Amino acid sequence: LSSFQTVDKWRGYPSVLILRLKNSDEVLQNEIAVYAKEHLAGIPYSPFVGLKRKDKSGMDRIDSTQCAHLVWQVYQAFGVNTDSNHGWLVMPRDIANSEELELVQVFGFDPHDRWN
C-alpha cells in the first residue's frame, strides 16, 4: 500500500534523488501535499498501472498505483505532466528526466547524466 515516509527511510539506499516542482510557491506545494495525503495514501501496489488507464484523477478512489505513477498522478491532478516521455507507463526515469521538476538533492547518481 502507498504510504508517507520521511527522507530518513531512504538514507540506507545506494541512490536517492529529491526533486521539486519548478517555479512553485509554498502554497502550491502544500496543496499538492494535502491532495496526496487525502487521495493517494493506502493505495494497493500494481506494476501494471497504465495498461488500461494512466490518468485516474477522475476516480473517487484510485484502485492501484506504483511508485512513479503515484508521483505522476499527484502532479497530474494539478495539470502538470511529469512523465518526460509521455508514454502509457510512468517509470522513475521518466520522472527524473521531467522538465517540470528541478533537482534538490542527489546521492548515487551523476546529476549531469540526466539518467538516460
Protein backbone atom coordinates (compact mmCIF):
# COMPACT_ATOMS: atom_id res chain seq x y z
CA LEU A 1 0.00 0.00 0.00
CA SER A 2 1.16 3.54 -0.67
CA SER A 3 2.21 5.44 2.42
CA PHE A 4 4.04 8.55 3.58
CA GLN A 5 7.70 8.15 4.54
CA THR A 6 10.40 10.55 5.58
CA VAL A 7 13.62 11.05 3.67
CA ASP A 8 15.37 9.28 6.56
CA LYS A 9 13.91 5.97 5.32
CA TRP A 10 15.97 6.27 2.14
CA ARG A 11 19.36 7.00 3.78
CA GLY A 12 20.35 3.33 3.60
CA TYR A 13 19.69 3.01 -0.14
CA PRO A 14 22.53 3.31 -2.69
CA SER A 15 20.89 6.18 -4.58
CA VAL A 16 18.37 8.89 -3.79
CA LEU A 17 17.01 11.68 -5.94
CA ILE A 18 14.95 14.54 -4.49
CA LEU A 19 13.09 16.73 -6.98
CA ARG A 20 10.53 19.51 -6.66
CA LEU A 21 8.18 21.32 -8.98
CA LYS A 22 9.89 24.23 -10.73
CA ASN A 23 8.64 27.74 -10.05
CA SER A 24 6.22 26.61 -7.36
CA ASP A 25 5.46 28.51 -4.20
CA GLU A 26 4.85 27.17 -0.71
CA VAL A 27 1.07 27.45 -1.08
CA LEU A 28 1.01 25.22 -4.18
CA GLN A 29 3.46 22.76 -2.60
CA ASN A 30 1.17 22.48 0.44
CA GLU A 31 -1.90 21.99 -1.77
CA ILE A 32 -0.14 19.17 -3.61
CA ALA A 33 0.90 17.53 -0.32
CA VAL A 34 -2.65 17.76 1.08
CA TYR A 35 -4.08 16.27 -2.12
CA ALA A 36 -1.61 13.38 -1.95
CA LYS A 37 -2.44 12.73 1.69
CA GLU A 38 -6.19 12.80 1.11
CA HIS A 39 -6.35 10.92 -2.20
CA LEU A 40 -3.25 8.78 -2.66
CA ALA A 41 -2.44 7.13 0.69
CA GLY A 42 -3.29 3.46 1.22
CA ILE A 43 -3.49 2.57 -2.49
CA PRO A 44 -2.61 -1.05 -3.42
CA TYR A 45 0.56 -1.57 -5.50
CA SER A 46 0.39 -2.87 -9.08
CA PRO A 47 3.21 -2.88 -11.64
CA PHE A 48 0.66 -2.76 -14.46
CA VAL A 49 -0.81 0.68 -13.77
CA GLY A 50 -1.27 2.43 -17.10
CA LEU A 51 -2.16 -0.59 -19.23
CA LYS A 52 -5.83 0.37 -19.33
CA ARG A 53 -5.93 3.90 -17.96
CA LYS A 54 -2.97 6.00 -16.87
CA ASP A 55 -4.74 9.11 -15.56
CA LYS A 56 -7.02 8.11 -12.70
CA SER A 57 -7.66 11.59 -11.33
CA GLY A 58 -11.37 11.44 -12.18
CA MET A 59 -11.93 8.40 -9.97
CA ASP A 60 -13.31 8.68 -6.45
CA ARG A 61 -10.60 6.29 -5.29
CA ILE A 62 -7.59 5.10 -7.29
CA ASP A 63 -7.63 1.30 -7.40
CA SER A 64 -3.88 0.72 -7.81
CA THR A 65 -0.57 2.50 -8.36
CA GLN A 66 3.21 2.09 -8.37
CA CYS A 67 5.98 4.43 -7.17
CA ALA A 68 6.45 6.57 -10.30
CA HIS A 69 2.75 6.55 -11.18
CA LEU A 70 1.94 7.82 -7.68
CA VAL A 71 4.27 10.82 -8.12
CA TRP A 72 2.99 11.48 -11.63
CA GLN A 73 -0.67 11.20 -10.56
CA VAL A 74 -0.41 13.79 -7.79
CA TYR A 75 1.14 16.37 -10.13
CA GLN A 76 -1.26 15.44 -12.96
CA ALA A 77 -4.14 16.37 -10.66
CA PHE A 78 -2.70 19.91 -10.71
CA GLY A 79 -2.29 19.97 -14.50
CA VAL A 80 1.45 19.19 -14.50
CA ASN A 81 2.66 16.22 -16.58
CA THR A 82 5.91 14.92 -15.05
CA ASP A 83 6.13 11.94 -17.45
CA SER A 84 9.03 13.08 -19.65
CA ASN A 85 8.38 10.62 -22.49
CA HIS A 86 4.54 10.86 -22.25
CA GLY A 87 4.26 7.07 -22.57
CA TRP A 88 1.47 4.82 -21.30
CA LEU A 89 3.58 3.67 -18.35
CA VAL A 90 5.34 6.09 -15.99
CA MET A 91 8.78 4.96 -14.83
CA PRO A 92 11.16 6.54 -12.27
CA ARG A 93 13.45 7.58 -15.16
CA ASP A 94 10.54 9.49 -16.73
CA ILE A 95 10.06 11.47 -13.52
CA ALA A 96 13.83 12.06 -13.13
CA ASN A 97 14.01 13.46 -16.67
CA SER A 98 10.95 15.70 -16.35
CA GLU A 99 11.46 19.31 -17.42
CA GLU A 100 8.74 20.23 -14.90
CA LEU A 101 10.93 19.27 -11.93
CA GLU A 102 14.21 20.61 -10.57
CA LEU A 103 16.92 18.83 -8.66
CA VAL A 104 17.06 19.49 -4.92
CA GLN A 105 19.44 16.78 -3.75
CA VAL A 106 21.14 13.73 -5.26
CA PHE A 107 23.12 10.79 -3.94
CA GLY A 108 24.38 7.88 -6.04
CA PHE A 109 23.55 9.46 -9.43
CA ASP A 110 25.56 11.66 -11.77
CA PRO A 111 23.35 14.78 -11.93
CA HIS A 112 24.82 15.75 -15.31
CA ASP A 113 23.84 12.45 -16.91
CA ARG A 114 20.06 13.21 -16.87
CA TRP A 115 19.52 9.48 -16.23
CA ASN A 116 19.10 8.44 -19.87
